[in-house]
Amino acid sequence: SFQYDSSLIQMGATQADLLEAGSFFLDSVGHSYLLIEQTNFAIKYKS
């Protein structure tokens, strides 16, 4: 899971919201990896 600032709970965020936040981030991680993998930038960044 991922850390979060306690102020978010005070503003109404739920644990389900924070779970979903992790999913949104992982979407971007996977997308970024596959984008780079298809380019010459993979030589520098894939490892």
All heavy atoms as atom14 arrays in JSON, in Angstrom:
{
  "sequence": "SFQYDSSLIQMGATQADLLEAGSFFLDSVGHSYLLIEQTNFAIKYKS",
  "atom14_mask": [
    [1, 1, 1, 1, 1, 1, 0, 0, 0, 0, 0, 0, 0, 0],
    [1, 1, 1, 1, 1, 1, 1, 1, 1, 1, 1, 0, 0, 0],
    [1, 1, 1, 1, 1, 1, 1, 1, 1, 0, 0, 0, 0, 0],
    [1, 1, 1, 1, 1, 1, 1, 1, 1, 1, 1, 1, 0, 0],
    [1, 1, 1, 1, 1, 1, 1, 1, 0, 0, 0, 0, 0, 0],
    [1, 1, 1, 1, 1, 1, 0, 0, 0, 0, 0, 0, 0, 0],
    [1, 1, 1, 1, 1, 1, 0, 0, 0, 0, 0, 0, 0, 0],
    [1, 1, 1, 1, 1, 1, 1, 1, 0, 0, 0, 0, 0, 0],
    [1, 1, 1, 1, 1, 1, 1, 1, 0, 0, 0, 0, 0, 0],
    [1, 1, 1, 1, 1, 1, 1, 1, 1, 0, 0, 0, 0, 0],
    [1, 1, 1, 1, 1, 1, 1, 1, 0, 0, 0, 0, 0, 0],
    [1, 1, 1, 1, 0, 0, 0, 0, 0, 0, 0, 0, 0, 0],
    [1, 1, 1, 1, 1, 0, 0, 0, 0, 0, 0, 0, 0, 0],
    [1, 1, 1, 1, 1, 1, 1, 0, 0, 0, 0, 0, 0, 0],
    [1, 1, 1, 1, 1, 1, 1, 1, 1, 0, 0, 0, 0, 0],
    [1, 1, 1, 1, 1, 0, 0, 0, 0, 0, 0, 0, 0, 0],
    [1, 1, 1, 1, 1, 1, 1, 1, 0, 0, 0, 0, 0, 0],
    [1, 1, 1, 1, 1, 1, 1, 1, 0, 0, 0, 0, 0, 0],
    [1, 1, 1, 1, 1, 1, 1, 1, 0, 0, 0, 0, 0, 0],
    [1, 1, 1, 1, 1, 1, 1, 1, 1, 0, 0, 0, 0, 0],
    [1, 1, 1, 1, 1, 0, 0, 0, 0, 0, 0, 0, 0, 0],
    [1, 1, 1, 1, 0, 0, 0, 0, 0, 0, 0, 0, 0, 0],
    [1, 1, 1, 1, 1, 1, 0, 0, 0, 0, 0, 0, 0, 0],
    [1, 1, 1, 1, 1, 1, 1, 1, 1, 1, 1, 0, 0, 0],
    [1, 1, 1, 1, 1, 1, 1, 1, 1, 1, 1, 0, 0, 0],
    [1, 1, 1, 1, 1, 1, 1, 1, 0, 0, 0, 0, 0, 0],
    [1, 1, 1, 1, 1, 1, 1, 1, 0, 0, 0, 0, 0, 0],
    [1, 1, 1, 1, 1, 1, 0, 0, 0, 0, 0, 0, 0, 0],
    [1, 1, 1, 1, 1, 1, 1, 0, 0, 0, 0, 0, 0, 0],
    [1, 1, 1, 1, 0, 0, 0, 0, 0, 0, 0, 0, 0, 0],
    [1, 1, 1, 1, 1, 1, 1, 1, 1, 1, 0, 0, 0, 0],
    [1, 1, 1, 1, 1, 1, 0, 0, 0, 0, 0, 0, 0, 0],
    [1, 1, 1, 1, 1, 1, 1, 1, 1, 1, 1, 1, 0, 0],
    [1, 1, 1, 1, 1, 1, 1, 1, 0, 0, 0, 0, 0, 0],
    [1, 1, 1, 1, 1, 1, 1, 1, 0, 0, 0, 0, 0, 0],
    [1, 1, 1, 1, 1, 1, 1, 1, 0, 0, 0, 0, 0, 0],
    [1, 1, 1, 1, 1, 1, 1, 1, 1, 0, 0, 0, 0, 0],
    [1, 1, 1, 1, 1, 1, 1, 1, 1, 0, 0, 0, 0, 0],
    [1, 1, 1, 1, 1, 1, 1, 0, 0, 0, 0, 0, 0, 0],
    [1, 1, 1, 1, 1, 1, 1, 1, 0, 0, 0, 0, 0, 0],
    [1, 1, 1, 1, 1, 1, 1, 1, 1, 1, 1, 0, 0, 0],
    [1, 1, 1, 1, 1, 0, 0, 0, 0, 0, 0, 0, 0, 0],
    [1, 1, 1, 1, 1, 1, 1, 1, 0, 0, 0, 0, 0, 0],
    [1, 1, 1, 1, 1, 1, 1, 1, 1, 0, 0, 0, 0, 0],
    [1, 1, 1, 1, 1, 1, 1, 1, 1, 1, 1, 1, 0, 0],
    [1, 1, 1, 1, 1, 1, 1, 1, 1, 0, 0, 0, 0, 0],
    [1, 1, 1, 1, 1, 1, 0, 0, 0, 0, 0, 0, 0, 0]
  ],
  "atom14_positions": [
    [[0.85, -1.2, 0.0], [0.0, 0.0, 0.0], [0.89, 1.25, 0.0], [2.12, 1.15, 0.02], [-0.92, 0.0, 1.22], [-0.16, 0.07, 2.42], [0.0, 0.0, 0.0], [0.0, 0.0, 0.0], [0.0, 0.0, 0.0], [0.0, 0.0, 0.0], [0.0, 0.0, 0.0], [0.0, 0.0, 0.0], [0.0, 0.0, 0.0], [0.0, 0.0, 0.0]],
    [[0.25, 2.41, 0.0], [1.01, 3.66, -0.09], [0.65, 4.6, 1.06], [-0.49, 4.63, 1.52], [0.77, 4.35, -1.43], [1.32, 3.56, -2.59], [0.53, 2.64, -3.26], [2.65, 3.72, -2.98], [1.04, 1.9, -4.31], [3.16, 2.98, -4.04], [2.36, 2.06, -4.71], [0.0, 0.0, 0.0], [0.0, 0.0, 0.0], [0.0, 0.0, 0.0]],
    [[1.63, 5.36, 1.49], [1.43, 6.33, 2.57], [0.54, 7.48, 2.09], [0.4, 7.72, 0.89], [2.79, 6.89, 3.01], [3.75, 5.83, 3.54], [5.19, 6.28, 3.51], [5.49, 7.46, 3.36], [6.11, 5.33, 3.66], [0.0, 0.0, 0.0], [0.0, 0.0, 0.0], [0.0, 0.0, 0.0], [0.0, 0.0, 0.0], [0.0, 0.0, 0.0]],
    [[-0.06, 8.17, 3.03], [-0.87, 9.34, 2.71], [-0.84, 10.28, 3.92], [-0.56, 9.87, 5.05], [-2.31, 8.94, 2.4], [-3.0, 8.2, 3.52], [-3.69, 8.88, 4.52], [-2.93, 6.81, 3.6], [-4.31, 8.2, 5.56], [-3.54, 6.11, 4.64], [-4.23, 6.82, 5.61], [-4.83, 6.14, 6.65], [0.0, 0.0, 0.0], [0.0, 0.0, 0.0]],
    [[-1.11, 11.57, 3.66], [-1.13, 12.55, 4.73], [-2.48, 12.49, 5.45], [-3.53, 12.37, 4.81], [-0.9, 13.95, 4.16], [-0.72, 14.98, 5.25], [0.4, 15.07, 5.8], [-1.7, 15.68, 5.56], [0.0, 0.0, 0.0], [0.0, 0.0, 0.0], [0.0, 0.0, 0.0], [0.0, 0.0, 0.0], [0.0, 0.0, 0.0], [0.0, 0.0, 0.0]],
    [[-2.44, 12.58, 6.77], [-3.67, 12.44, 7.56], [-4.7, 13.52, 7.26], [-5.89, 13.34, 7.51], [-3.33, 12.46, 9.06], [-2.7, 13.69, 9.4], [0.0, 0.0, 0.0], [0.0, 0.0, 0.0], [0.0, 0.0, 0.0], [0.0, 0.0, 0.0], [0.0, 0.0, 0.0], [0.0, 0.0, 0.0], [0.0, 0.0, 0.0], [0.0, 0.0, 0.0]],
    [[-4.26, 14.64, 6.71], [-5.2, 15.73, 6.39], [-6.25, 15.29, 5.36], [-7.34, 15.84, 5.32], [-4.44, 16.95, 5.87], [-3.81, 16.65, 4.62], [0.0, 0.0, 0.0], [0.0, 0.0, 0.0], [0.0, 0.0, 0.0], [0.0, 0.0, 0.0], [0.0, 0.0, 0.0], [0.0, 0.0, 0.0], [0.0, 0.0, 0.0], [0.0, 0.0, 0.0]],
    [[-5.9, 14.3, 4.55], [-6.85, 13.82, 3.54], [-8.08, 13.19, 4.19], [-9.2, 13.35, 3.71], [-6.18, 12.82, 2.59], [-4.99, 13.33, 1.79], [-4.49, 12.25, 0.85], [-5.36, 14.58, 1.0], [0.0, 0.0, 0.0], [0.0, 0.0, 0.0], [0.0, 0.0, 0.0], [0.0, 0.0, 0.0], [0.0, 0.0, 0.0], [0.0, 0.0, 0.0]],
    [[-7.87, 12.47, 5.27], [-8.99, 11.86, 6.0], [-9.89, 12.95, 6.57], [-11.12, 12.87, 6.51], [-8.48, 10.95, 7.13], [-7.6, 9.82, 6.55], [-9.64, 10.37, 7.91], [-8.31, 8.87, 5.63], [0.0, 0.0, 0.0], [0.0, 0.0, 0.0], [0.0, 0.0, 0.0], [0.0, 0.0, 0.0], [0.0, 0.0, 0.0], [0.0, 0.0, 0.0]],
    [[-9.27, 14.0, 7.08], [-10.04, 15.12, 7.63], [-10.87, 15.81, 6.55], [-11.93, 16.37, 6.83], [-9.08, 16.13, 8.28], [-8.34, 15.57, 9.49], [-7.18, 16.45, 9.93], [-7.01, 17.56, 9.42], [-6.36, 15.94, 10.85], [0.0, 0.0, 0.0], [0.0, 0.0, 0.0], [0.0, 0.0, 0.0], [0.0, 0.0, 0.0], [0.0, 0.0, 0.0]],
    [[-10.4, 15.74, 5.3], [-11.13, 16.35, 4.19], [-12.12, 15.39, 3.54], [-12.72, 15.72, 2.53], [-10.15, 16.88, 3.14], [-9.4, 18.12, 3.58], [-8.43, 18.88, 2.25], [-7.02, 17.78, 2.18], [0.0, 0.0, 0.0], [0.0, 0.0, 0.0], [0.0, 0.0, 0.0], [0.0, 0.0, 0.0], [0.0, 0.0, 0.0], [0.0, 0.0, 0.0]],
    [[-12.26, 14.2, 4.12], [-13.3, 13.29, 3.65], [-12.84, 12.07, 2.88], [-13.67, 11.26, 2.46], [0.0, 0.0, 0.0], [0.0, 0.0, 0.0], [0.0, 0.0, 0.0], [0.0, 0.0, 0.0], [0.0, 0.0, 0.0], [0.0, 0.0, 0.0], [0.0, 0.0, 0.0], [0.0, 0.0, 0.0], [0.0, 0.0, 0.0], [0.0, 0.0, 0.0]],
    [[-11.55, 11.9, 2.69], [-11.07, 10.71, 1.97], [-11.33, 9.45, 2.8], [-11.16, 9.46, 4.02], [-9.58, 10.83, 1.67], [0.0, 0.0, 0.0], [0.0, 0.0, 0.0], [0.0, 0.0, 0.0], [0.0, 0.0, 0.0], [0.0, 0.0, 0.0], [0.0, 0.0, 0.0], [0.0, 0.0, 0.0], [0.0, 0.0, 0.0], [0.0, 0.0, 0.0]],
    [[-11.72, 8.38, 2.13], [-11.96, 7.1, 2.8], [-10.79, 6.15, 2.5], [-9.96, 6.42, 1.62], [-13.26, 6.47, 2.3], [-13.11, 6.13, 0.91], [-14.43, 7.42, 2.47], [0.0, 0.0, 0.0], [0.0, 0.0, 0.0], [0.0, 0.0, 0.0], [0.0, 0.0, 0.0], [0.0, 0.0, 0.0], [0.0, 0.0, 0.0], [0.0, 0.0, 0.0]],
    [[-10.76, 5.04, 3.19], [-9.73, 4.04, 2.92], [-9.88, 3.49, 1.5], [-8.89, 3.16, 0.84], [-9.81, 2.91, 3.95], [-9.35, 3.31, 5.34], [-7.92, 3.82, 5.38], [-7.04, 3.27, 4.72], [-7.69, 4.88, 6.14], [0.0, 0.0, 0.0], [0.0, 0.0, 0.0], [0.0, 0.0, 0.0], [0.0, 0.0, 0.0], [0.0, 0.0, 0.0]],
    [[-11.12, 3.41, 1.03], [-11.36, 2.96, -0.34], [-10.77, 3.95, -1.34], [-10.23, 3.56, -2.38], [-12.85, 2.76, -0.59], [0.0, 0.0, 0.0], [0.0, 0.0, 0.0], [0.0, 0.0, 0.0], [0.0, 0.0, 0.0], [0.0, 0.0, 0.0], [0.0, 0.0, 0.0], [0.0, 0.0, 0.0], [0.0, 0.0, 0.0], [0.0, 0.0, 0.0]],
    [[-10.88, 5.24, -1.03], [-10.28, 6.27, -1.89], [-8.77, 6.09, -1.97], [-8.17, 6.22, -3.04], [-10.58, 7.67, -1.35], [-12.04, 8.06, -1.46], [-12.7, 7.63, -2.42], [-12.53, 8.8, -0.57], [0.0, 0.0, 0.0], [0.0, 0.0, 0.0], [0.0, 0.0, 0.0], [0.0, 0.0, 0.0], [0.0, 0.0, 0.0], [0.0, 0.0, 0.0]],
    [[-8.16, 5.79, -0.84], [-6.71, 5.65, -0.8], [-6.25, 4.36, -1.48], [-5.18, 4.32, -2.08], [-6.24, 5.7, 0.66], [-6.59, 7.04, 1.35], [-6.38, 6.93, 2.85], [-5.77, 8.18, 0.78], [0.0, 0.0, 0.0], [0.0, 0.0, 0.0], [0.0, 0.0, 0.0], [0.0, 0.0, 0.0], [0.0, 0.0, 0.0], [0.0, 0.0, 0.0]],
    [[-7.08, 3.34, -1.41], [-6.81, 2.11, -2.16], [-6.82, 2.41, -3.66], [-5.92, 2.01, -4.41], [-7.87, 1.06, -1.83], [-7.9, -0.22, -2.69], [-6.65, -1.04, -2.46], [-9.15, -1.04, -2.35], [0.0, 0.0, 0.0], [0.0, 0.0, 0.0], [0.0, 0.0, 0.0], [0.0, 0.0, 0.0], [0.0, 0.0, 0.0], [0.0, 0.0, 0.0]],
    [[-7.83, 3.13, -4.06], [-7.98, 3.48, -5.47], [-6.83, 4.37, -5.94], [-6.37, 4.26, -7.09], [-9.31, 4.21, -5.66], [-9.79, 4.3, -7.08], [-11.21, 4.84, -7.09], [-11.39, 6.02, -6.73], [-12.11, 4.09, -7.48], [0.0, 0.0, 0.0], [0.0, 0.0, 0.0], [0.0, 0.0, 0.0], [0.0, 0.0, 0.0], [0.0, 0.0, 0.0]],
    [[-6.34, 5.23, -5.06], [-5.2, 6.09, -5.41], [-3.99, 5.25, -5.81], [-3.27, 5.58, -6.76], [-4.84, 7.0, -4.23], [0.0, 0.0, 0.0], [0.0, 0.0, 0.0], [0.0, 0.0, 0.0], [0.0, 0.0, 0.0], [0.0, 0.0, 0.0], [0.0, 0.0, 0.0], [0.0, 0.0, 0.0], [0.0, 0.0, 0.0], [0.0, 0.0, 0.0]],
    [[-3.78, 4.14, -5.11], [-2.69, 3.24, -5.45], [-2.89, 2.62, -6.82], [-1.94, 2.47, -7.6], [0.0, 0.0, 0.0], [0.0, 0.0, 0.0], [0.0, 0.0, 0.0], [0.0, 0.0, 0.0], [0.0, 0.0, 0.0], [0.0, 0.0, 0.0], [0.0, 0.0, 0.0], [0.0, 0.0, 0.0], [0.0, 0.0, 0.0], [0.0, 0.0, 0.0]],
    [[-4.14, 2.29, -7.15], [-4.45, 1.71, -8.45], [-4.18, 2.72, -9.57], [-3.62, 2.38, -10.61], [-5.91, 1.27, -8.48], [-6.26, 0.76, -9.74], [0.0, 0.0, 0.0], [0.0, 0.0, 0.0], [0.0, 0.0, 0.0], [0.0, 0.0, 0.0], [0.0, 0.0, 0.0], [0.0, 0.0, 0.0], [0.0, 0.0, 0.0], [0.0, 0.0, 0.0]],
    [[-4.58, 3.98, -9.35], [-4.35, 5.02, -10.34], [-2.85, 5.18, -10.61], [-2.42, 5.36, -11.76], [-4.93, 6.35, -9.86], [-6.42, 6.47, -10.01], [-7.24, 5.35, -10.02], [-7.01, 7.71, -10.12], [-8.62, 5.47, -10.16], [-8.39, 7.84, -10.26], [-9.2, 6.72, -10.28], [0.0, 0.0, 0.0], [0.0, 0.0, 0.0], [0.0, 0.0, 0.0]],
    [[-2.06, 5.14, -9.55], [-0.61, 5.28, -9.69], [-0.03, 4.1, -10.47], [0.79, 4.28, -11.38], [0.04, 5.38, -8.31], [1.55, 5.34, -8.35], [2.28, 6.33, -8.98], [2.24, 4.31, -7.71], [3.68, 6.29, -9.01], [3.63, 4.27, -7.73], [4.34, 5.26, -8.37], [0.0, 0.0, 0.0], [0.0, 0.0, 0.0], [0.0, 0.0, 0.0]],
    [[-0.45, 2.89, -10.13], [0.09, 1.72, -10.8], [-0.28, 1.68, -12.28], [0.49, 1.18, -13.11], [-0.4, 0.44, -10.12], [0.32, 0.07, -8.82], [-0.21, -1.26, -8.3], [1.82, 0.0, -8.99], [0.0, 0.0, 0.0], [0.0, 0.0, 0.0], [0.0, 0.0, 0.0], [0.0, 0.0, 0.0], [0.0, 0.0, 0.0], [0.0, 0.0, 0.0]],
    [[-1.44, 2.19, -12.64], [-1.8, 2.33, -14.05], [-0.72, 3.14, -14.77], [-0.21, 2.75, -15.82], [-3.17, 3.03, -14.14], [-3.46, 3.65, -15.5], [-2.85, 3.26, -16.5], [-4.33, 4.55, -15.55], [0.0, 0.0, 0.0], [0.0, 0.0, 0.0], [0.0, 0.0, 0.0], [0.0, 0.0, 0.0], [0.0, 0.0, 0.0], [0.0, 0.0, 0.0]],
    [[-0.34, 4.27, -14.18], [0.67, 5.13, -14.79], [2.04, 4.45, -14.85], [2.79, 4.6, -15.82], [0.77, 6.44, -14.01], [1.76, 7.28, -14.57], [0.0, 0.0, 0.0], [0.0, 0.0, 0.0], [0.0, 0.0, 0.0], [0.0, 0.0, 0.0], [0.0, 0.0, 0.0], [0.0, 0.0, 0.0], [0.0, 0.0, 0.0], [0.0, 0.0, 0.0]],
    [[2.37, 3.69, -13.81], [3.65, 2.97, -13.77], [3.73, 1.99, -14.94], [4.71, 1.97, -15.7], [3.82, 2.22, -12.44], [5.05, 1.31, -12.49], [3.95, 3.2, -11.28], [0.0, 0.0, 0.0], [0.0, 0.0, 0.0], [0.0, 0.0, 0.0], [0.0, 0.0, 0.0], [0.0, 0.0, 0.0], [0.0, 0.0, 0.0], [0.0, 0.0, 0.0]],
    [[2.69, 1.17, -15.09], [2.69, 0.18, -16.17], [2.72, 0.83, -17.54], [3.44, 0.4, -18.45], [0.0, 0.0, 0.0], [0.0, 0.0, 0.0], [0.0, 0.0, 0.0], [0.0, 0.0, 0.0], [0.0, 0.0, 0.0], [0.0, 0.0, 0.0], [0.0, 0.0, 0.0], [0.0, 0.0, 0.0], [0.0, 0.0, 0.0], [0.0, 0.0, 0.0]],
    [[1.93, 1.89, -17.69], [1.87, 2.6, -18.97], [3.23, 3.2, -19.31], [3.72, 3.09, -20.45], [0.8, 3.69, -18.88], [0.42, 4.27, -20.2], [-0.35, 5.4, -20.31], [0.68, 3.88, -21.47], [-0.54, 5.68, -21.59], [0.09, 4.78, -22.31], [0.0, 0.0, 0.0], [0.0, 0.0, 0.0], [0.0, 0.0, 0.0], [0.0, 0.0, 0.0]],
    [[3.87, 3.82, -18.33], [5.18, 4.45, -18.54], [6.21, 3.41, -18.98], [6.99, 3.64, -19.92], [5.65, 5.12, -17.25], [4.77, 6.16, -16.87], [0.0, 0.0, 0.0], [0.0, 0.0, 0.0], [0.0, 0.0, 0.0], [0.0, 0.0, 0.0], [0.0, 0.0, 0.0], [0.0, 0.0, 0.0], [0.0, 0.0, 0.0], [0.0, 0.0, 0.0]],
    [[6.24, 2.3, -18.29], [7.2, 1.24, -18.58], [7.04, 0.77, -20.02], [8.02, 0.67, -20.78], [6.97, 0.07, -17.61], [7.98, -1.06, -17.72], [8.96, -1.23, -16.74], [7.94, -1.96, -18.78], [9.88, -2.26, -16.83], [8.86, -3.0, -18.88], [9.83, -3.14, -17.9], [10.73, -4.16, -17.98], [0.0, 0.0, 0.0], [0.0, 0.0, 0.0]],
    [[5.81, 0.48, -20.43], [5.58, -0.06, -21.77], [5.83, 0.96, -22.85], [6.27, 0.62, -23.96], [4.15, -0.62, -21.87], [3.89, -1.85, -20.99], [2.43, -2.28, -21.08], [4.81, -3.01, -21.36], [0.0, 0.0, 0.0], [0.0, 0.0, 0.0], [0.0, 0.0, 0.0], [0.0, 0.0, 0.0], [0.0, 0.0, 0.0], [0.0, 0.0, 0.0]],
    [[5.56, 2.23, -22.57], [5.9, 3.28, -23.53], [7.41, 3.32, -23.76], [7.88, 3.31, -24.91], [5.42, 4.64, -23.03], [3.93, 4.96, -23.17], [3.6, 6.25, -22.43], [3.51, 5.06, -24.63], [0.0, 0.0, 0.0], [0.0, 0.0, 0.0], [0.0, 0.0, 0.0], [0.0, 0.0, 0.0], [0.0, 0.0, 0.0], [0.0, 0.0, 0.0]],
    [[8.17, 3.36, -22.69], [9.62, 3.44, -22.8], [10.19, 2.21, -23.48], [11.13, 2.29, -24.3], [10.25, 3.67, -21.42], [9.97, 5.09, -20.94], [11.76, 3.4, -21.45], [10.41, 5.37, -19.54], [0.0, 0.0, 0.0], [0.0, 0.0, 0.0], [0.0, 0.0, 0.0], [0.0, 0.0, 0.0], [0.0, 0.0, 0.0], [0.0, 0.0, 0.0]],
    [[9.63, 1.06, -23.16], [10.13, -0.21, -23.7], [10.1, -0.23, -25.22], [10.91, -0.94, -25.85], [9.29, -1.36, -23.14], [9.84, -2.74, -23.43], [8.99, -3.82, -22.8], [7.75, -3.8, -22.98], [9.56, -4.7, -22.12], [0.0, 0.0, 0.0], [0.0, 0.0, 0.0], [0.0, 0.0, 0.0], [0.0, 0.0, 0.0], [0.0, 0.0, 0.0]],
    [[9.21, 0.53, -25.83], [9.05, 0.52, -27.29], [9.92, 1.56, -27.99], [9.82, 1.72, -29.21], [7.58, 0.81, -27.63], [6.61, -0.22, -27.1], [5.17, 0.24, -27.26], [4.68, 0.38, -28.38], [4.5, 0.49, -26.16], [0.0, 0.0, 0.0], [0.0, 0.0, 0.0], [0.0, 0.0, 0.0], [0.0, 0.0, 0.0], [0.0, 0.0, 0.0]],
    [[10.78, 2.23, -27.24], [11.58, 3.31, -27.83], [13.07, 3.1, -27.56], [13.47, 2.22, -26.79], [11.19, 4.67, -27.22], [11.62, 4.72, -25.85], [9.68, 4.89, -27.3], [0.0, 0.0, 0.0], [0.0, 0.0, 0.0], [0.0, 0.0, 0.0], [0.0, 0.0, 0.0], [0.0, 0.0, 0.0], [0.0, 0.0, 0.0], [0.0, 0.0, 0.0]],
    [[13.88, 3.94, -28.18], [15.32, 3.9, -27.93], [15.68, 4.33, -26.51], [16.79, 4.07, -26.05], [16.06, 4.79, -28.94], [16.0, 4.23, -30.35], [15.89, 3.02, -30.53], [16.06, 5.1, -31.34], [0.0, 0.0, 0.0], [0.0, 0.0, 0.0], [0.0, 0.0, 0.0], [0.0, 0.0, 0.0], [0.0, 0.0, 0.0], [0.0, 0.0, 0.0]],
    [[14.74, 4.99, -25.82], [14.99, 5.38, -24.43], [15.12, 4.15, -23.53], [15.62, 4.26, -22.41], [13.88, 6.29, -23.92], [13.88, 7.66, -24.52], [12.94, 8.02, -25.46], [14.85, 8.59, -24.16], [12.94, 9.29, -26.03], [14.87, 9.86, -24.71], [13.91, 10.22, -25.66], [0.0, 0.0, 0.0], [0.0, 0.0, 0.0], [0.0, 0.0, 0.0]],
    [[14.68, 3.0, -24.01], [14.77, 1.76, -23.22], [16.22, 1.41, -22.91], [16.52, 0.83, -21.87], [14.09, 0.61, -23.96], [0.0, 0.0, 0.0], [0.0, 0.0, 0.0], [0.0, 0.0, 0.0], [0.0, 0.0, 0.0], [0.0, 0.0, 0.0], [0.0, 0.0, 0.0], [0.0, 0.0, 0.0], [0.0, 0.0, 0.0], [0.0, 0.0, 0.0]],
    [[17.11, 1.78, -23.8], [18.53, 1.48, -23.6], [19.02, 2.11, -22.29], [19.78, 1.52, -21.54], [19.37, 2.0, -24.79], [18.95, 1.27, -26.08], [20.86, 1.83, -24.53], [19.52, 1.88, -27.34], [0.0, 0.0, 0.0], [0.0, 0.0, 0.0], [0.0, 0.0, 0.0], [0.0, 0.0, 0.0], [0.0, 0.0, 0.0], [0.0, 0.0, 0.0]],
    [[18.55, 3.31, -22.03], [19.0, 4.04, -20.84], [18.16, 3.72, -19.61], [18.7, 3.66, -18.49], [18.94, 5.55, -21.12], [19.41, 6.41, -19.95], [19.48, 7.88, -20.33], [20.0, 8.71, -19.15], [20.1, 10.14, -19.51], [0.0, 0.0, 0.0], [0.0, 0.0, 0.0], [0.0, 0.0, 0.0], [0.0, 0.0, 0.0], [0.0, 0.0, 0.0]],
    [[16.83, 3.53, -19.79], [15.94, 3.54, -18.63], [15.32, 2.19, -18.24], [14.84, 2.06, -17.13], [14.81, 4.54, -18.86], [15.27, 5.98, -18.8], [15.28, 6.77, -19.94], [15.7, 6.54, -17.6], [15.7, 8.1, -19.88], [16.12, 7.86, -17.53], [16.12, 8.63, -18.69], [16.54, 9.94, -18.61], [0.0, 0.0, 0.0], [0.0, 0.0, 0.0]],
    [[15.31, 1.23, -19.14], [14.59, -0.01, -18.83], [15.18, -0.72, -17.61], [14.45, -1.24, -16.76], [14.56, -0.94, -20.03], [13.63, -2.14, -19.83], [13.43, -2.89, -21.11], [12.51, -4.1, -20.89], [13.11, -5.1, -20.01], [0.0, 0.0, 0.0], [0.0, 0.0, 0.0], [0.0, 0.0, 0.0], [0.0, 0.0, 0.0], [0.0, 0.0, 0.0]],
    [[16.5, -0.74, -17.49], [17.11, -1.42, -16.34], [16.73, -0.72, -15.04], [16.55, -1.37, -14.01], [18.63, -1.48, -16.49], [19.17, -0.17, -16.59], [0.0, 0.0, 0.0], [0.0, 0.0, 0.0], [0.0, 0.0, 0.0], [0.0, 0.0, 0.0], [0.0, 0.0, 0.0], [0.0, 0.0, 0.0], [0.0, 0.0, 0.0], [0.0, 0.0, 0.0]]
  ]
}
